[in-house]
């Protein structure tokens, strides 16, 4: 299998794994944020803190994660589940064939 075929076959697994790794190694001491509301100068955002919460969840600091954002723990669980689900060994349907939609059927 060449690199292009490998990336096409495992693109979803690569994407979710990269997100988990970025969240795990995220610097929570920095004031940098991807939040568009914060970039516009708006101080309140419903999603702010969820990245830090997911970082603390991945480090098993659940109390700190809960204090950062209430949805961080379930969001991390969804990301881990999505990563496991996308692994070819667990994805028996193999809906990565070209021409198939999200349902695995062509034309949808």
PDB file of N, CA and C in Angstrom:
ATOM      1  N   UNK A   1       0.855  -1.174   0.000  1.00  0.00           N
ATOM      2  CA  UNK A   1       0.000   0.000   0.000  1.00  0.00           C
ATOM      3  C   UNK A   1       0.900   1.235   0.000  1.00  0.00           C
ATOM      4  N   UNK A   2       0.680   2.118  -0.974  1.00  0.00           N
ATOM      5  CA  UNK A   2       1.481   3.337  -1.003  1.00  0.00           C
ATOM      6  C   UNK A   2       0.920   4.361  -0.024  1.00  0.00           C
ATOM      7  N   UNK A   3       1.642   5.481   0.119  1.00  0.00           N
ATOM      8  CA  UNK A   3       1.272   6.487   1.120  1.00  0.00           C
ATOM      9  C   UNK A   3      -0.093   7.095   0.837  1.00  0.00           C
ATOM     10  N   UNK A   4      -0.364   7.388  -0.435  1.00  0.00           N
ATOM     11  CA  UNK A   4      -1.657   7.997  -0.791  1.00  0.00           C
ATOM     12  C   UNK A   4      -2.812   7.062  -0.436  1.00  0.00           C
ATOM     13  N   UNK A   5      -2.687   5.805  -0.764  1.00  0.00           N
ATOM     14  CA  UNK A   5      -3.734   4.830  -0.456  1.00  0.00           C
ATOM     15  C   UNK A   5      -3.882   4.657   1.059  1.00  0.00           C
ATOM     16  N   UNK A   6      -2.745   4.693   1.755  1.00  0.00           N
ATOM     17  CA  UNK A   6      -2.784   4.577   3.222  1.00  0.00           C
ATOM     18  C   UNK A   6      -3.551   5.742   3.830  1.00  0.00           C
ATOM     19  N   UNK A   7      -3.239   6.968   3.348  1.00  0.00           N
ATOM     20  CA  UNK A   7      -3.914   8.154   3.885  1.00  0.00           C
ATOM     21  C   UNK A   7      -5.397   8.126   3.556  1.00  0.00           C
ATOM     22  N   UNK A   8      -5.741   7.728   2.351  1.00  0.00           N
ATOM     23  CA  UNK A   8      -7.156   7.665   1.967  1.00  0.00           C
ATOM     24  C   UNK A   8      -7.886   6.625   2.804  1.00  0.00           C
ATOM     25  N   UNK A   9      -7.273   5.503   3.028  1.00  0.00           N
ATOM     26  CA  UNK A   9      -7.915   4.431   3.792  1.00  0.00           C
ATOM     27  C   UNK A   9      -8.080   4.795   5.260  1.00  0.00           C
ATOM     28  N   UNK A  10      -7.049   5.426   5.813  1.00  0.00           N
ATOM     29  CA  UNK A  10      -7.053   5.695   7.260  1.00  0.00           C
ATOM     30  C   UNK A  10      -7.259   7.157   7.593  1.00  0.00           C
ATOM     31  N   UNK A  11      -7.806   7.954   6.691  1.00  0.00           N
ATOM     32  CA  UNK A  11      -7.913   9.400   6.916  1.00  0.00           C
ATOM     33  C   UNK A  11      -8.745   9.750   8.141  1.00  0.00           C
ATOM     34  N   UNK A  12      -9.829   9.068   8.370  1.00  0.00           N
ATOM     35  CA  UNK A  12     -10.652   9.380   9.534  1.00  0.00           C
ATOM     36  C   UNK A  12      -9.927   9.020  10.829  1.00  0.00           C
ATOM     37  N   UNK A  13      -9.283   7.886  10.840  1.00  0.00           N
ATOM     38  CA  UNK A  13      -8.523   7.485  12.021  1.00  0.00           C
ATOM     39  C   UNK A  13      -7.378   8.454  12.273  1.00  0.00           C
ATOM     40  N   UNK A  14      -6.692   8.860  11.220  1.00  0.00           N
ATOM     41  CA  UNK A  14      -5.586   9.810  11.358  1.00  0.00           C
ATOM     42  C   UNK A  14      -6.094  11.132  11.901  1.00  0.00           C
ATOM     43  N   UNK A  15      -7.231  11.600  11.393  1.00  0.00           N
ATOM     44  CA  UNK A  15      -7.783  12.885  11.831  1.00  0.00           C
ATOM     45  C   UNK A  15      -8.151  12.860  13.309  1.00  0.00           C
ATOM     46  N   UNK A  16      -8.931  11.861  13.718  1.00  0.00           N
ATOM     47  CA  UNK A  16      -9.363  11.801  15.126  1.00  0.00           C
ATOM     48  C   UNK A  16      -8.186  11.577  16.065  1.00  0.00           C
ATOM     49  N   UNK A  17      -7.221  10.754  15.656  1.00  0.00           N
ATOM     50  CA  UNK A  17      -6.041  10.526  16.492  1.00  0.00           C
ATOM     51  C   UNK A  17      -5.218  11.803  16.626  1.00  0.00           C
ATOM     52  N   UNK A  18      -5.090  12.556  15.545  1.00  0.00           N
ATOM     53  CA  UNK A  18      -4.343  13.816  15.600  1.00  0.00           C
ATOM     54  C   UNK A  18      -5.026  14.811  16.535  1.00  0.00           C
ATOM     55  N   UNK A  19      -6.346  14.853  16.488  1.00  0.00           N
ATOM     56  CA  UNK A  19      -7.079  15.760  17.387  1.00  0.00           C
ATOM     57  C   UNK A  19      -6.834  15.369  18.840  1.00  0.00           C
ATOM     58  N   UNK A  20      -6.901  14.070  19.133  1.00  0.00           N
ATOM     59  CA  UNK A  20      -6.653  13.627  20.511  1.00  0.00           C
ATOM     60  C   UNK A  20      -5.226  13.939  20.955  1.00  0.00           C
ATOM     61  N   UNK A  21      -4.266  13.744  20.056  1.00  0.00           N
ATOM     62  CA  UNK A  21      -2.871  14.055  20.407  1.00  0.00           C
ATOM     63  C   UNK A  21      -2.667  15.549  20.627  1.00  0.00           C
ATOM     64  N   UNK A  22      -3.271  16.372  19.771  1.00  0.00           N
ATOM     65  CA  UNK A  22      -3.153  17.825  19.948  1.00  0.00           C
ATOM     66  C   UNK A  22      -3.766  18.266  21.273  1.00  0.00           C
ATOM     67  N   UNK A  23      -4.909  17.695  21.610  1.00  0.00           N
ATOM     68  CA  UNK A  23      -5.538  18.048  22.888  1.00  0.00           C
ATOM     69  C   UNK A  23      -4.702  17.558  24.067  1.00  0.00           C
ATOM     70  N   UNK A  24      -4.094  16.382  23.935  1.00  0.00           N
ATOM     71  CA  UNK A  24      -3.286  15.834  25.019  1.00  0.00           C
ATOM     72  C   UNK A  24      -2.054  16.702  25.281  1.00  0.00           C
ATOM     73  N   UNK A  25      -1.397  17.157  24.216  1.00  0.00           N
ATOM     74  CA  UNK A  25      -0.172  17.937  24.370  1.00  0.00           C
ATOM     75  C   UNK A  25      -0.415  19.444  24.326  1.00  0.00           C
ATOM     76  N   UNK A  26      -1.659  19.872  24.421  1.00  0.00           N
ATOM     77  CA  UNK A  26      -2.020  21.284  24.385  1.00  0.00           C
ATOM     78  C   UNK A  26      -1.439  22.015  25.600  1.00  0.00           C
ATOM     79  N   UNK A  27      -0.952  23.213  25.360  1.00  0.00           N
ATOM     80  CA  UNK A  27      -0.414  24.033  26.444  1.00  0.00           C
ATOM     81  C   UNK A  27      -1.561  24.818  27.077  1.00  0.00           C
ATOM     82  N   UNK A  28      -1.976  24.422  28.259  1.00  0.00           N
ATOM     83  CA  UNK A  28      -3.091  25.102  28.916  1.00  0.00           C
ATOM     84  C   UNK A  28      -2.652  26.346  29.667  1.00  0.00           C
ATOM     85  N   UNK A  29      -1.346  26.580  29.784  1.00  0.00           N
ATOM     86  CA  UNK A  29      -0.846  27.772  30.469  1.00  0.00           C
ATOM     87  C   UNK A  29      -0.865  28.990  29.549  1.00  0.00           C
ATOM     88  N   UNK A  30      -0.921  28.767  28.255  1.00  0.00           N
ATOM     89  CA  UNK A  30      -0.907  29.857  27.286  1.00  0.00           C
ATOM     90  C   UNK A  30      -2.275  30.528  27.225  1.00  0.00           C
ATOM     91  N   UNK A  31      -2.304  31.790  26.845  1.00  0.00           N
ATOM     92  CA  UNK A  31      -3.567  32.509  26.709  1.00  0.00           C
ATOM     93  C   UNK A  31      -4.099  32.426  25.275  1.00  0.00           C
ATOM     94  N   UNK A  32      -3.392  31.694  24.398  1.00  0.00           N
ATOM     95  CA  UNK A  32      -3.822  31.555  23.016  1.00  0.00           C
ATOM     96  C   UNK A  32      -5.135  30.778  22.949  1.00  0.00           C
ATOM     97  N   UNK A  33      -6.025  31.217  22.055  1.00  0.00           N
ATOM     98  CA  UNK A  33      -7.308  30.558  21.909  1.00  0.00           C
ATOM     99  C   UNK A  33      -7.740  30.567  20.448  1.00  0.00           C
ATOM    100  N   UNK A  34      -8.441  29.512  20.033  1.00  0.00           N
ATOM    101  CA  UNK A  34      -9.015  29.454  18.697  1.00  0.00           C
ATOM    102  C   UNK A  34     -10.417  30.074  18.659  1.00  0.00           C
ATOM    103  N   UNK A  35     -10.912  30.528  19.785  1.00  0.00           N
ATOM    104  CA  UNK A  35     -12.280  31.009  19.905  1.00  0.00           C
ATOM    105  C   UNK A  35     -12.491  32.268  19.043  1.00  0.00           C
ATOM    106  N   UNK A  36     -13.446  32.226  18.101  1.00  0.00           N
ATOM    107  CA  UNK A  36     -13.706  33.414  17.286  1.00  0.00           C
ATOM    108  C   UNK A  36     -14.343  34.542  18.084  1.00  0.00           C
ATOM    109  N   UNK A  37     -15.113  34.221  19.118  1.00  0.00           N
ATOM    110  CA  UNK A  37     -15.711  35.263  19.957  1.00  0.00           C
ATOM    111  C   UNK A  37     -14.628  36.052  20.681  1.00  0.00           C
ATOM    112  N   UNK A  38     -13.645  35.335  21.221  1.00  0.00           N
ATOM    113  CA  UNK A  38     -12.556  36.006  21.923  1.00  0.00           C
ATOM    114  C   UNK A  38     -11.744  36.869  20.958  1.00  0.00           C
ATOM    115  N   UNK A  39     -11.571  36.381  19.732  1.00  0.00           N
ATOM    116  CA  UNK A  39     -10.838  37.160  18.732  1.00  0.00           C
ATOM    117  C   UNK A  39     -11.573  38.444  18.387  1.00  0.00           C
ATOM    118  N   UNK A  40     -12.914  38.418  18.498  1.00  0.00           N
ATOM    119  CA  UNK A  40     -13.705  39.615  18.223  1.00  0.00           C
ATOM    120  C   UNK A  40     -13.853  40.508  19.445  1.00  0.00           C
ATOM    121  N   UNK A  41     -13.323  40.088  20.580  1.00  0.00           N
ATOM    122  CA  UNK A  41     -13.385  40.899  21.788  1.00  0.00           C
ATOM    123  C   UNK A  41     -14.594  40.624  22.650  1.00  0.00           C
ATOM    124  N   UNK A  42     -15.373  39.609  22.310  1.00  0.00           N
ATOM    125  CA  UNK A  42     -16.543  39.246  23.104  1.00  0.00           C
ATOM    126  C   UNK A  42     -16.069  38.322  24.219  1.00  0.00           C
ATOM    127  N   UNK A  43     -16.374  38.683  25.438  1.00  0.00           N
ATOM    128  CA  UNK A  43     -15.812  37.941  26.570  1.00  0.00           C
ATOM    129  C   UNK A  43     -16.550  36.643  26.872  1.00  0.00           C
ATOM    130  N   UNK A  44     -17.836  36.526  26.516  1.00  0.00           N
ATOM    131  CA  UNK A  44     -18.590  35.328  26.854  1.00  0.00           C
ATOM    132  C   UNK A  44     -18.733  34.427  25.634  1.00  0.00           C
ATOM    133  N   UNK A  45     -18.477  33.155  25.814  1.00  0.00           N
ATOM    134  CA  UNK A  45     -18.624  32.172  24.734  1.00  0.00           C
ATOM    135  C   UNK A  45     -19.070  30.857  25.368  1.00  0.00           C
ATOM    136  N   UNK A  46     -20.082  30.199  24.813  1.00  0.00           N
ATOM    137  CA  UNK A  46     -20.545  28.939  25.408  1.00  0.00           C
ATOM    138  C   UNK A  46     -19.536  27.800  25.281  1.00  0.00           C
ATOM    139  N   UNK A  47     -18.597  27.898  24.358  1.00  0.00           N
ATOM    140  CA  UNK A  47     -17.643  26.806  24.147  1.00  0.00           C
ATOM    141  C   UNK A  47     -16.290  27.034  24.777  1.00  0.00           C
ATOM    142  N   UNK A  48     -16.028  28.230  25.267  1.00  0.00           N
ATOM    143  CA  UNK A  48     -14.708  28.509  25.831  1.00  0.00           C
ATOM    144  C   UNK A  48     -14.431  27.631  27.047  1.00  0.00           C
ATOM    145  N   UNK A  49     -13.285  27.034  27.041  1.00  0.00           N
ATOM    146  CA  UNK A  49     -12.869  26.170  28.132  1.00  0.00           C
ATOM    147  C   UNK A  49     -13.013  24.699  27.813  1.00  0.00           C
ATOM    148  N   UNK A  50     -13.698  24.371  26.737  1.00  0.00           N
ATOM    149  CA  UNK A  50     -13.917  22.945  26.443  1.00  0.00           C
ATOM    150  C   UNK A  50     -12.614  22.274  26.004  1.00  0.00           C
ATOM    151  N   UNK A  51     -11.745  23.001  25.315  1.00  0.00           N
ATOM    152  CA  UNK A  51     -10.441  22.425  24.921  1.00  0.00           C
ATOM    153  C   UNK A  51      -9.592  22.122  26.141  1.00  0.00           C
ATOM    154  N   UNK A  52      -9.555  23.069  27.082  1.00  0.00           N
ATOM    155  CA  UNK A  52      -8.811  22.837  28.319  1.00  0.00           C
ATOM    156  C   UNK A  52      -9.433  21.683  29.100  1.00  0.00           C
ATOM    157  N   UNK A  53     -10.760  21.638  29.123  1.00  0.00           N
ATOM    158  CA  UNK A  53     -11.440  20.556  29.832  1.00  0.00           C
ATOM    159  C   UNK A  53     -11.109  19.199  29.215  1.00  0.00           C
ATOM    160  N   UNK A  54     -11.064  19.138  27.902  1.00  0.00           N
ATOM    161  CA  UNK A  54     -10.724  17.883  27.233  1.00  0.00           C
ATOM    162  C   UNK A  54      -9.266  17.512  27.504  1.00  0.00           C
ATOM    163  N   UNK A  55      -8.402  18.506  27.558  1.00  0.00           N
ATOM    164  CA  UNK A  55      -6.997  18.250  27.904  1.00  0.00           C
ATOM    165  C   UNK A  55      -6.895  17.631  29.295  1.00  0.00           C
ATOM    166  N   UNK A  56      -7.592  18.213  30.258  1.00  0.00           N
ATOM    167  CA  UNK A  56      -7.540  17.679  31.621  1.00  0.00           C
ATOM    168  C   UNK A  56      -8.196  16.298  31.707  1.00  0.00           C
ATOM    169  N   UNK A  57      -9.229  16.070  30.916  1.00  0.00           N
ATOM    170  CA  UNK A  57      -9.851  14.741  30.893  1.00  0.00           C
ATOM    171  C   UNK A  57      -8.871  13.697  30.380  1.00  0.00           C
ATOM    172  N   UNK A  58      -8.132  14.029  29.329  1.00  0.00           N
ATOM    173  CA  UNK A  58      -7.156  13.084  28.783  1.00  0.00           C
ATOM    174  C   UNK A  58      -6.026  12.813  29.766  1.00  0.00           C
ATOM    175  N   UNK A  59      -5.764  13.755  30.683  1.00  0.00           N
ATOM    176  CA  UNK A  59      -4.756  13.551  31.727  1.00  0.00           C
ATOM    177  C   UNK A  59      -5.378  12.995  33.006  1.00  0.00           C
ATOM    178  N   UNK A  60      -6.667  12.625  32.942  1.00  0.00           N
ATOM    179  CA  UNK A  60      -7.421  12.022  34.045  1.00  0.00           C
ATOM    180  C   UNK A  60      -7.564  12.956  35.243  1.00  0.00           C
ATOM    181  N   UNK A  61      -7.602  14.257  34.999  1.00  0.00           N
ATOM    182  CA  UNK A  61      -7.873  15.260  36.035  1.00  0.00           C
ATOM    183  C   UNK A  61      -9.339  15.674  35.894  1.00  0.00           C
ATOM    184  N   UNK A  62     -10.234  14.820  36.362  1.00  0.00           N
ATOM    185  CA  UNK A  62     -11.651  15.015  36.082  1.00  0.00           C
ATOM    186  C   UNK A  62     -12.246  16.204  36.839  1.00  0.00           C
ATOM    187  N   UNK A  63     -11.783  16.478  38.035  1.00  0.00           N
ATOM    188  CA  UNK A  63     -12.321  17.625  38.775  1.00  0.00           C
ATOM    189  C   UNK A  63     -11.971  18.931  38.071  1.00  0.00           C
ATOM    190  N   UNK A  64     -10.738  19.066  37.644  1.00  0.00           N
ATOM    191  CA  UNK A  64     -10.331  20.268  36.917  1.00  0.00           C
ATOM    192  C   UNK A  64     -11.075  20.359  35.586  1.00  0.00           C
ATOM    193  N   UNK A  65     -11.249  19.226  34.921  1.00  0.00           N
ATOM    194  CA  UNK A  65     -11.979  19.214  33.647  1.00  0.00           C
ATOM    195  C   UNK A  65     -13.416  19.675  33.847  1.00  0.00           C
ATOM    196  N   UNK A  66     -14.044  19.222  34.917  1.00  0.00           N
ATOM    197  CA  UNK A  66     -15.430  19.623  35.205  1.00  0.00           C
ATOM    198  C   UNK A  66     -15.516  21.116  35.481  1.00  0.00           C
ATOM    199  N   UNK A  67     -14.495  21.656  36.172  1.00  0.00           N
ATOM    200  CA  UNK A  67     -14.494  23.088  36.479  1.00  0.00           C
ATOM    201  C   UNK A  67     -14.250  23.938  35.231  1.00  0.00           C
ATOM    202  N   UNK A  68     -13.468  23.435  34.289  1.00  0.00           N
ATOM    203  CA  UNK A  68     -13.179  24.196  33.061  1.00  0.00           C
ATOM    204  C   UNK A  68     -14.412  24.291  32.157  1.00  0.00           C
ATOM    205  N   UNK A  69     -15.065  23.159  31.926  1.00  0.00           N
ATOM    206  CA  UNK A  69     -16.265  23.132  31.090  1.00  0.00           C
ATOM    207  C   UNK A  69     -17.012  21.834  31.352  1.00  0.00           C
ATOM    208  N   UNK A  70     -18.311  21.934  31.507  1.00  0.00           N
ATOM    209  CA  UNK A  70     -19.114  20.750  31.869  1.00  0.00           C
ATOM    210  C   UNK A  70     -19.181  19.713  30.740  1.00  0.00           C
ATOM    211  N   UNK A  71     -19.014  20.126  29.498  1.00  0.00           N
ATOM    212  CA  UNK A  71     -19.129  19.187  28.377  1.00  0.00           C
ATOM    213  C   UNK A  71     -17.795  18.594  27.942  1.00  0.00           C
ATOM    214  N   UNK A  72     -16.708  18.936  28.614  1.00  0.00           N
ATOM    215  CA  UNK A  72     -15.395  18.449  28.220  1.00  0.00           C
ATOM    216  C   UNK A  72     -15.244  16.948  28.364  1.00  0.00           C
ATOM    217  N   UNK A  73     -15.763  16.393  29.446  1.00  0.00           N
ATOM    218  CA  UNK A  73     -15.636  14.946  29.671  1.00  0.00           C
ATOM    219  C   UNK A  73     -16.454  14.165  28.647  1.00  0.00           C
ATOM    220  N   UNK A  74     -17.744  14.504  28.425  1.00  0.00           N
ATOM    221  CA  UNK A  74     -18.469  13.757  27.394  1.00  0.00           C
ATOM    222  C   UNK A  74     -17.917  13.985  25.989  1.00  0.00           C
ATOM    223  N   UNK A  75     -17.417  15.183  25.715  1.00  0.00           N
ATOM    224  CA  UNK A  75     -16.841  15.444  24.385  1.00  0.00           C
ATOM    225  C   UNK A  75     -15.590  14.595  24.162  1.00  0.00           C
ATOM    226  N   UNK A  76     -14.798  14.418  25.212  1.00  0.00           N
ATOM    227  CA  UNK A  76     -13.616  13.570  25.100  1.00  0.00           C
ATOM    228  C   UNK A  76     -14.023  12.117  24.874  1.00  0.00           C
ATOM    229  N   UNK A  77     -15.052  11.687  25.573  1.00  0.00           N
ATOM    230  CA  UNK A  77     -15.533  10.311  25.382  1.00  0.00           C
ATOM    231  C   UNK A  77     -16.018  10.098  23.945  1.00  0.00           C
ATOM    232  N   UNK A  78     -16.697  11.090  23.399  1.00  0.00           N
ATOM    233  CA  UNK A  78     -17.168  10.983  22.011  1.00  0.00           C
ATOM    234  C   UNK A  78     -15.980  10.910  21.051  1.00  0.00           C
ATOM    235  N   UNK A  79     -14.957  11.731  21.287  1.00  0.00           N
ATOM    236  CA  UNK A  79     -13.774  11.709  20.420  1.00  0.00           C
ATOM    237  C   UNK A  79     -13.058  10.361  20.484  1.00  0.00           C
ATOM    238  N   UNK A  80     -12.921   9.820  21.688  1.00  0.00           N
ATOM    239  CA  UNK A  80     -12.264   8.505  21.829  1.00  0.00           C
ATOM    240  C   UNK A  80     -13.102   7.438  21.136  1.00  0.00           C
ATOM    241  N   UNK A  81     -14.426   7.496  21.333  1.00  0.00           N
ATOM    242  CA  UNK A  81     -15.304   6.531  20.682  1.00  0.00           C
ATOM    243  C   UNK A  81     -15.198   6.655  19.159  1.00  0.00           C
ATOM    244  N   UNK A  82     -15.183   7.885  18.656  1.00  0.00           N
ATOM    245  CA  UNK A  82     -15.096   8.095  17.213  1.00  0.00           C
ATOM    246  C   UNK A  82     -13.778   7.555  16.663  1.00  0.00           C
ATOM    247  N   UNK A  83     -12.694   7.723  17.420  1.00  0.00           N
ATOM    248  CA  UNK A  83     -11.398   7.193  16.988  1.00  0.00           C
ATOM    249  C   UNK A  83     -11.433   5.677  16.930  1.00  0.00           C
ATOM    250  N   UNK A  84     -11.962   5.056  17.970  1.00  0.00           N
ATOM    251  CA  UNK A  84     -12.036   3.588  17.997  1.00  0.00           C
ATOM    252  C   UNK A  84     -12.935   3.079  16.879  1.00  0.00           C
ATOM    253  N   UNK A  85     -14.058   3.784  16.683  1.00  0.00           N
ATOM    254  CA  UNK A  85     -15.014   3.371  15.660  1.00  0.00           C
ATOM    255  C   UNK A  85     -14.436   3.475  14.255  1.00  0.00           C
ATOM    256  N   UNK A  86     -13.513   4.422  14.062  1.00  0.00           N
ATOM    257  CA  UNK A  86     -12.966   4.633  12.719  1.00  0.00           C
ATOM    258  C   UNK A  86     -11.835   3.665  12.382  1.00  0.00           C
ATOM    259  N   UNK A  87     -11.334   2.936  13.376  1.00  0.00           N
ATOM    260  CA  UNK A  87     -10.265   1.986  13.090  1.00  0.00           C
ATOM    261  C   UNK A  87     -10.767   0.909  12.139  1.00  0.00           C
ATOM    262  N   UNK A  88      -9.995   0.584  11.135  1.00  0.00           N
ATOM    263  CA  UNK A  88     -10.455  -0.443  10.193  1.00  0.00           C
ATOM    264  C   UNK A  88     -10.731  -1.787  10.854  1.00  0.00           C
ATOM    265  N   UNK A  89     -10.072  -2.089  11.955  1.00  0.00           N
ATOM    266  CA  UNK A  89     -10.291  -3.369  12.623  1.00  0.00           C
ATOM    267  C   UNK A  89     -11.660  -3.406  13.302  1.00  0.00           C
ATOM    268  N   UNK A  90     -12.192  -2.219  13.687  1.00  0.00           N
ATOM    269  CA  UNK A  90     -13.509  -2.171  14.304  1.00  0.00           C
ATOM    270  C   UNK A  90     -14.595  -1.776  13.322  1.00  0.00           C
ATOM    271  N   UNK A  91     -14.189  -1.214  12.188  1.00  0.00           N
ATOM    272  CA  UNK A  91     -15.158  -0.781  11.190  1.00  0.00           C
ATOM    273  C   UNK A  91     -15.354  -1.913  10.181  1.00  0.00           C
ATOM    274  N   UNK A  92     -16.286  -2.790  10.471  1.00  0.00           N
ATOM    275  CA  UNK A  92     -16.509  -3.945   9.607  1.00  0.00           C
ATOM    276  C   UNK A  92     -17.229  -3.567   8.316  1.00  0.00           C
ATOM    277  N   UNK A  93     -17.901  -2.417   8.315  1.00  0.00           N
ATOM    278  CA  UNK A  93     -18.638  -2.017   7.119  1.00  0.00           C
ATOM    279  C   UNK A  93     -17.716  -1.472   6.047  1.00  0.00           C
ATOM    280  N   UNK A  94     -16.546  -0.936   6.457  1.00  0.00           N
ATOM    281  CA  UNK A  94     -15.574  -0.374   5.532  1.00  0.00           C
ATOM    282  C   UNK A  94     -16.252   0.534   4.523  1.00  0.00           C
ATOM    283  N   UNK A  95     -16.787   1.629   5.005  1.00  0.00           N
ATOM    284  CA  UNK A  95     -17.471   2.555   4.118  1.00  0.00           C
ATOM    285  C   UNK A  95     -16.518   3.602   3.559  1.00  0.00           C
ATOM    286  N   UNK A  96     -15.274   3.238   3.360  1.00  0.00           N
ATOM    287  CA  UNK A  96     -14.294   4.160   2.806  1.00  0.00           C
ATOM    288  C   UNK A  96     -14.182   4.050   1.292  1.00  0.00           C
ATOM    289  N   UNK A  97     -14.987   3.221   0.685  1.00  0.00           N
ATOM    290  CA  UNK A  97     -14.904   3.066  -0.766  1.00  0.00           C
ATOM    291  C   UNK A  97     -15.338   4.355  -1.450  1.00  0.00           C
ATOM    292  N   UNK A  98     -14.711   4.701  -2.551  1.00  0.00           N
ATOM    293  CA  UNK A  98     -15.122   5.917  -3.252  1.00  0.00           C
ATOM    294  C   UNK A  98     -16.548   5.770  -3.778  1.00  0.00           C
ATOM    295  N   UNK A  99     -17.237   6.879  -3.744  1.00  0.00           N
ATOM    296  CA  UNK A  99     -18.592   6.888  -4.273  1.00  0.00           C
ATOM    297  C   UNK A  99     -19.645   6.522  -3.259  1.00  0.00           C
ATOM    298  N   UNK A 100     -19.254   6.243  -2.024  1.00  0.00           N
ATOM    299  CA  UNK A 100     -20.237   5.932  -0.999  1.00  0.00           C
ATOM    300  C   UNK A 100     -20.384   7.115  -0.065  1.00  0.00           C
ATOM    301  N   UNK A 101     -21.565   7.325   0.419  1.00  0.00           N
ATOM    302  CA  UNK A 101     -21.836   8.428   1.320  1.00  0.00           C
ATOM    303  C   UNK A 101     -21.654   8.022   2.752  1.00  0.00           C
ATOM    304  N   UNK A 102     -22.135   8.853   3.628  1.00  0.00           N
ATOM    305  CA  UNK A 102     -21.963   8.603   5.053  1.00  0.00           C
ATOM    306  C   UNK A 102     -22.754   7.372   5.485  1.00  0.00           C
ATOM    307  N   UNK A 103     -23.801   7.028   4.761  1.00  0.00           N
ATOM    308  CA  UNK A 103     -24.596   5.860   5.118  1.00  0.00           C
ATOM    309  C   UNK A 103     -23.999   4.579   4.559  1.00  0.00           C
ATOM    310  N   UNK A 104     -22.988   4.679   3.714  1.00  0.00           N
ATOM    311  CA  UNK A 104     -22.397   3.498   3.118  1.00  0.00           C
ATOM    312  C   UNK A 104     -23.066   3.083   1.826  1.00  0.00           C
ATOM    313  N   UNK A 105     -24.106   3.810   1.437  1.00  0.00           N
ATOM    314  CA  UNK A 105     -24.817   3.485   0.203  1.00  0.00           C
ATOM    315  C   UNK A 105     -24.527   4.566  -0.835  1.00  0.00           C
ATOM    316  N   UNK A 106     -24.290   4.188  -2.064  1.00  0.00           N
ATOM    317  CA  UNK A 106     -24.019   5.199  -3.083  1.00  0.00           C
ATOM    318  C   UNK A 106     -25.267   6.029  -3.354  1.00  0.00           C
ATOM    319  N   UNK A 107     -25.045   7.292  -3.625  1.00  0.00           N
ATOM    320  CA  UNK A 107     -26.151   8.166  -3.998  1.00  0.00           C
ATOM    321  C   UNK A 107     -26.831   8.859  -2.844  1.00  0.00           C
ATOM    322  N   UNK A 108     -26.391   8.626  -1.615  1.00  0.00           N
ATOM    323  CA  UNK A 108     -27.022   9.291  -0.471  1.00  0.00           C
ATOM    324  C   UNK A 108     -26.096  10.304   0.135  1.00  0.00           C
TER     325      UNK A 108
END
